[in-house]
């Protein structure tokens, strides 16, 4: 029964993205934003989680501002759906012209990190059209491997993995990824991590994030200490014209020390600050509906 249900969901998703890819952007973006508005109105659970997160991060803002920001966050997911529908075929050729590097905080910082002969460790987050970021960077001539949690639907996971692996990129399943990522870095290949989601206490360290303690994976910091490779915080964000984006790469970070528990906490807290900076600059672009603060030191979830 589960296989049948998985196949049915997969078929619906494929048909939706095929239809979306057929539409011109002038129709596709408004359609997806309308769908996102409807989901926002109907999905009370994620709306509630998002408002709690916004209360934590922006306690000084009005409820009206928080609801508007959360709605725009839902609509950003709609925009990402449009971009995903255009990551194959002829439409993929447009990506390098639609996704450029930020002047002064772009490609030069990545190239600086590449000078030591090792691969680069990318830090990123679920901000704006994050699925477009590795595709765009690869099409600009710099493919990478990125660590992901596989989807629970096997047919959908296979399709998404093929989509993500286009243009020279590779997908590395999250389970036991550290050892394989270390080998790739030593071979001179780049590896990317998203570390802005909640993890269980046994898998994370508690560090500040958006004004509250957040259980965060130390895997990226551990890889940086073990490999000696530079870490480049990199994010994608939307420009004023719909369907156009910019990539920001911060200057590379090199962590010195033994890589002990305290080192990992300090490094992970530093990495979180880059994500927080982007979220505070582009609050409508983050995935607010995720229960980011669910794991707490005292066991009391705010949700």
Protein backbone atom coordinates (compact mmCIF):
# COMPACT_ATOMS: atom_id res chain seq x y z
CA UNK A 1 0.00 0.00 0.00
CA UNK A 2 2.81 2.41 0.87
CA UNK A 3 4.51 1.74 -2.48
CA UNK A 4 1.28 2.51 -4.30
CA UNK A 5 0.76 5.72 -2.33
CA UNK A 6 4.38 6.77 -2.90
CA UNK A 7 4.01 6.19 -6.63
CA UNK A 8 0.77 8.19 -6.73
CA UNK A 9 2.39 11.15 -4.92
CA UNK A 10 5.41 10.95 -7.20
CA UNK A 11 3.23 10.99 -10.30
CA UNK A 12 1.28 14.02 -9.07
CA UNK A 13 4.49 15.91 -8.28
CA UNK A 14 6.02 15.12 -11.67
CA UNK A 15 2.89 16.19 -13.52
CA UNK A 16 2.69 19.42 -11.54
CA UNK A 17 6.31 20.37 -12.26
CA UNK A 18 5.95 19.38 -15.92
CA UNK A 19 2.91 21.65 -16.21
CA UNK A 20 4.70 24.42 -14.32
CA UNK A 21 7.73 24.17 -16.58
CA UNK A 22 5.47 24.54 -19.61
CA UNK A 23 4.02 27.84 -18.38
CA UNK A 24 5.80 31.12 -19.09
CA UNK A 25 7.21 32.82 -16.01
CA UNK A 26 4.66 35.61 -16.23
CA UNK A 27 2.00 32.99 -15.41
CA UNK A 28 4.00 30.48 -13.37
CA UNK A 29 5.09 32.85 -10.60
CA UNK A 30 1.61 34.32 -9.91
CA UNK A 31 0.09 30.82 -9.98
CA UNK A 32 2.58 29.46 -7.43
CA UNK A 33 2.20 32.50 -5.22
CA UNK A 34 -1.56 32.03 -5.29
CA UNK A 35 -1.15 28.36 -4.31
CA UNK A 36 1.23 29.45 -1.52
CA UNK A 37 -1.36 31.96 -0.28
CA UNK A 38 -3.98 29.21 -0.15
CA UNK A 39 -1.61 26.90 1.73
CA UNK A 40 -0.85 29.73 4.16
CA UNK A 41 -4.57 30.17 4.85
CA UNK A 42 -5.26 26.44 5.26
CA UNK A 43 -2.12 25.12 6.93
CA UNK A 44 -2.68 26.23 10.50
CA UNK A 45 0.02 23.96 11.94
CA UNK A 46 2.92 25.43 9.97
CA UNK A 47 1.47 28.92 10.27
CA UNK A 48 1.48 28.54 14.07
CA UNK A 49 5.08 27.24 14.08
CA UNK A 50 6.18 30.09 11.84
CA UNK A 51 4.64 32.74 14.07
CA UNK A 52 6.29 31.23 17.17
CA UNK A 53 9.65 31.32 15.38
CA UNK A 54 9.09 34.93 14.36
CA UNK A 55 8.16 35.80 17.95
CA UNK A 56 11.51 34.34 19.05
CA UNK A 57 13.58 36.05 16.35
CA UNK A 58 11.76 39.39 16.11
CA UNK A 59 9.98 40.03 19.45
CA UNK A 60 9.90 43.76 18.75
CA UNK A 61 7.91 43.43 15.51
CA UNK A 62 4.12 43.69 15.28
CA UNK A 63 1.87 40.70 14.65
CA UNK A 64 0.90 42.24 11.31
CA UNK A 65 4.57 42.37 10.23
CA UNK A 66 5.11 38.77 11.32
CA UNK A 67 2.06 37.49 9.43
CA UNK A 68 3.10 39.39 6.32
CA UNK A 69 6.67 38.06 6.57
CA UNK A 70 5.42 34.52 7.05
CA UNK A 71 3.10 34.78 4.04
CA UNK A 72 5.97 36.03 1.91
CA UNK A 73 8.06 33.11 3.17
CA UNK A 74 5.38 30.71 1.90
CA UNK A 75 5.37 32.56 -1.42
CA UNK A 76 9.15 32.26 -1.68
CA UNK A 77 8.61 28.50 -1.67
CA UNK A 78 6.25 29.02 -4.59
CA UNK A 79 8.96 30.90 -6.45
CA UNK A 80 11.38 28.05 -5.75
CA UNK A 81 8.90 25.61 -7.28
CA UNK A 82 9.04 27.66 -10.48
CA UNK A 83 12.85 27.52 -10.45
CA UNK A 84 12.89 23.76 -9.85
CA UNK A 85 10.58 23.29 -12.84
CA UNK A 86 13.20 25.05 -14.97
CA UNK A 87 16.32 23.17 -13.85
CA UNK A 88 16.21 20.78 -16.80
CA UNK A 89 16.16 21.06 -20.58
CA UNK A 90 16.46 24.37 -22.40
CA UNK A 91 15.42 26.38 -19.38
CA UNK A 92 18.59 25.32 -17.53
CA UNK A 93 20.64 27.33 -20.02
CA UNK A 94 19.09 30.51 -18.63
CA UNK A 95 20.28 29.87 -15.06
CA UNK A 96 23.75 31.51 -15.37
CA UNK A 97 22.14 34.71 -16.68
CA UNK A 98 19.44 34.70 -13.99
CA UNK A 99 21.73 33.86 -11.06
CA UNK A 100 24.80 36.07 -10.73
CA UNK A 101 27.37 36.66 -7.99
CA UNK A 102 27.14 39.60 -5.63
CA UNK A 103 29.75 42.24 -6.41
CA UNK A 104 32.44 42.32 -3.71
CA UNK A 105 31.01 39.32 -1.85
CA UNK A 106 30.81 36.70 -4.53
CA UNK A 107 33.00 34.47 -6.65
CA UNK A 108 36.27 36.07 -5.51
CA UNK A 109 35.76 34.75 -1.97
CA UNK A 110 35.18 31.24 -3.25
CA UNK A 111 38.28 31.39 -5.47
CA UNK A 112 40.34 32.63 -2.55
CA UNK A 113 39.32 29.55 -0.55
CA UNK A 114 40.39 27.26 -3.41
CA UNK A 115 44.01 28.37 -3.37
CA UNK A 116 45.29 25.80 -0.86
CA UNK A 117 44.52 22.82 -3.10
CA UNK A 118 41.85 21.35 -0.83
CA UNK A 119 38.17 21.38 -1.57
CA UNK A 120 35.92 24.03 -0.05
CA UNK A 121 33.31 23.37 2.63
CA UNK A 122 30.15 25.35 1.93
CA UNK A 123 27.82 26.53 4.66
CA UNK A 124 24.32 27.39 3.49
CA UNK A 125 20.71 27.31 4.69
CA UNK A 126 17.08 26.99 3.60
CA UNK A 127 16.97 30.56 2.35
CA UNK A 128 15.22 31.70 -0.85
CA UNK A 129 15.65 29.28 -3.81
CA UNK A 130 18.28 27.15 -2.07
CA UNK A 131 17.87 24.29 -4.56
CA UNK A 132 18.96 26.70 -7.30
CA UNK A 133 22.22 27.65 -5.56
CA UNK A 134 24.30 24.51 -6.30
CA UNK A 135 22.87 24.26 -9.82
CA UNK A 136 23.81 27.86 -10.60
CA UNK A 137 27.28 27.53 -9.09
CA UNK A 138 27.88 24.35 -11.12
CA UNK A 139 26.71 26.01 -14.33
CA UNK A 140 29.16 28.81 -13.62
CA UNK A 141 31.85 26.11 -13.68
CA UNK A 142 32.10 24.99 -10.05
CA UNK A 143 30.23 21.72 -9.30
CA UNK A 144 30.00 20.43 -5.75
CA UNK A 145 28.70 17.59 -3.59
CA UNK A 146 26.06 18.47 -1.04
CA UNK A 147 24.85 16.56 1.98
CA UNK A 148 21.09 15.98 2.16
CA UNK A 149 18.57 13.97 4.11
CA UNK A 150 16.87 11.56 1.66
CA UNK A 151 13.13 11.97 1.18
CA UNK A 152 10.81 9.35 2.66
CA UNK A 153 9.22 8.70 -0.74
CA UNK A 154 11.69 6.49 -2.75
CA UNK A 155 10.43 7.32 -6.29
CA UNK A 156 10.38 11.03 -5.44
CA UNK A 157 13.83 10.77 -3.86
CA UNK A 158 15.26 9.19 -7.02
CA UNK A 159 13.79 11.94 -9.18
CA UNK A 160 14.99 14.74 -6.88
CA UNK A 161 18.47 13.20 -6.70
CA UNK A 162 18.68 13.09 -10.50
CA UNK A 163 17.57 16.70 -10.64
CA UNK A 164 20.10 17.78 -8.02
CA UNK A 165 22.88 15.78 -9.71
CA UNK A 166 22.60 17.54 -13.04
CA UNK A 167 25.34 19.88 -14.24
CA UNK A 168 28.09 17.91 -12.48
CA UNK A 169 26.81 18.10 -8.90
CA UNK A 170 26.62 15.10 -6.60
CA UNK A 171 24.28 14.19 -3.74
CA UNK A 172 25.65 12.67 -0.54
CA UNK A 173 23.08 11.09 1.83
CA UNK A 174 23.31 12.51 5.34
CA UNK A 175 23.76 9.17 7.09
CA UNK A 176 27.47 8.55 7.76
CA UNK A 177 28.40 11.40 5.42
CA UNK A 178 31.35 12.79 7.39
CA UNK A 179 33.91 10.18 6.36
CA UNK A 180 32.96 10.34 2.70
CA UNK A 181 32.91 14.14 2.78
CA UNK A 182 36.41 14.14 4.25
CA UNK A 183 37.71 12.02 1.38
CA UNK A 184 36.10 14.33 -1.17
CA UNK A 185 37.63 17.43 0.44
CA UNK A 186 41.09 15.83 0.40
CA UNK A 187 40.57 15.02 -3.29
CA UNK A 188 39.99 18.72 -3.92
CA UNK A 189 36.21 18.57 -4.29
CA UNK A 190 33.74 20.95 -2.69
CA UNK A 191 31.11 19.79 -0.19
CA UNK A 192 28.05 21.75 0.97
CA UNK A 193 25.98 21.51 4.16
CA UNK A 194 22.71 23.06 5.31
CA UNK A 195 22.84 23.36 9.10
CA UNK A 196 19.81 25.52 9.91
CA UNK A 197 17.43 22.72 10.92
CA UNK A 198 16.77 21.23 14.33
CA UNK A 199 18.60 18.04 15.32
CA UNK A 200 18.22 15.69 18.27
CA UNK A 201 20.27 16.32 21.41
CA UNK A 202 22.52 13.31 20.76
CA UNK A 203 23.45 14.69 17.32
CA UNK A 204 23.98 18.36 18.08
CA UNK A 205 25.40 21.12 20.23
CA UNK A 206 23.42 23.95 21.80
CA UNK A 207 24.52 27.32 20.43
CA UNK A 208 22.80 30.71 20.06
CA UNK A 209 20.61 31.32 17.03
CA UNK A 210 18.11 34.13 16.49
CA UNK A 211 18.07 34.96 20.17
CA UNK A 212 17.57 31.45 21.52
CA UNK A 213 19.54 28.28 22.12
CA UNK A 214 19.29 25.99 19.09
CA UNK A 215 20.45 22.39 18.79
CA UNK A 216 22.73 22.46 15.75
CA UNK A 217 24.76 19.81 13.99
CA UNK A 218 28.52 20.22 14.55
CA UNK A 219 29.29 18.06 11.49
CA UNK A 220 30.42 20.95 9.32
CA UNK A 221 32.75 22.30 12.01
CA UNK A 222 34.11 18.80 12.65
CA UNK A 223 34.86 18.36 8.96
CA UNK A 224 36.64 21.73 8.86
CA UNK A 225 38.88 20.79 11.80
CA UNK A 226 39.66 17.31 10.49
CA UNK A 227 40.36 18.39 6.90
CA UNK A 228 41.95 21.81 7.42
CA UNK A 229 39.81 23.10 4.54
CA UNK A 230 38.32 26.58 4.45
CA UNK A 231 34.62 27.12 5.10
CA UNK A 232 32.77 29.54 2.83
CA UNK A 233 29.33 30.72 3.98
CA UNK A 234 27.25 31.03 0.82
CA UNK A 235 23.63 31.96 0.24
CA UNK A 236 21.25 32.82 -2.57
CA UNK A 237 18.73 35.65 -2.30
CA UNK A 238 16.17 37.20 -4.68
CA UNK A 239 16.70 40.41 -6.57
CA UNK A 240 13.99 42.95 -7.24
CA UNK A 241 13.06 41.41 -10.58
CA UNK A 242 11.12 38.18 -10.06
CA UNK A 243 13.10 35.15 -11.22
CA UNK A 244 16.52 36.72 -10.77
CA UNK A 245 18.87 35.98 -7.89
CA UNK A 246 22.29 36.75 -6.51
CA UNK A 247 24.79 34.50 -4.74
CA UNK A 248 26.69 35.88 -1.76
CA UNK A 249 29.90 34.21 -0.60
CA UNK A 250 31.44 35.51 2.59
CA UNK A 251 35.25 35.47 3.03
CA UNK A 252 36.60 31.98 3.82
CA UNK A 253 36.93 30.86 7.43
CA UNK A 254 39.77 28.68 8.73
CA UNK A 255 39.36 27.08 12.14
CA UNK A 256 42.46 26.48 14.23
CA UNK A 257 42.58 24.20 17.26
CA UNK A 258 42.22 20.61 18.33
CA UNK A 259 38.62 20.25 17.22
CA UNK A 260 37.52 19.30 20.73
CA UNK A 261 34.00 19.78 22.05
CA UNK A 262 34.55 23.43 22.98
CA UNK A 263 36.13 24.16 19.59
CA UNK A 264 33.15 22.60 17.83
CA UNK A 265 30.71 24.66 19.88
CA UNK A 266 32.55 27.91 19.18
CA UNK A 267 32.87 27.20 15.45
CA UNK A 268 29.22 26.12 15.12
CA UNK A 269 28.08 29.26 16.94
CA UNK A 270 30.16 31.36 14.54
CA UNK A 271 28.63 29.60 11.53
CA UNK A 272 25.14 30.16 12.90
CA UNK A 273 25.83 33.91 13.00
CA UNK A 274 26.24 33.99 9.23
CA UNK A 275 22.88 32.29 8.75
CA UNK A 276 21.30 34.65 11.24
CA UNK A 277 22.74 37.67 9.42
CA UNK A 278 21.11 36.54 6.18
CA UNK A 279 17.79 35.81 7.86
CA UNK A 280 17.67 39.23 9.50
CA UNK A 281 18.50 40.89 6.18
CA UNK A 282 16.00 38.77 4.21
CA UNK A 283 13.43 37.60 6.81
CA UNK A 284 10.83 36.72 4.19
CA UNK A 285 13.21 34.22 2.57
CA UNK A 286 13.75 31.72 5.40
CA UNK A 287 11.80 28.52 6.07
CA UNK A 288 9.93 29.74 9.17
CA UNK A 289 7.54 26.78 9.28
CA UNK A 290 10.24 24.39 10.53
CA UNK A 291 10.37 23.65 14.29
CA UNK A 292 13.90 24.95 14.58
CA UNK A 293 13.90 25.28 18.37
CA UNK A 294 12.12 22.03 19.17
CA UNK A 295 15.12 20.46 20.95
CA UNK A 296 15.99 22.46 24.06
CA UNK A 297 18.48 21.88 26.90
CA UNK A 298 15.63 21.62 29.42
CA UNK A 299 13.49 19.48 27.11
CA UNK A 300 10.74 22.12 26.88
CA UNK A 301 9.79 22.82 23.26
CA UNK A 302 8.25 26.23 22.50
CA UNK A 303 5.80 24.56 20.11
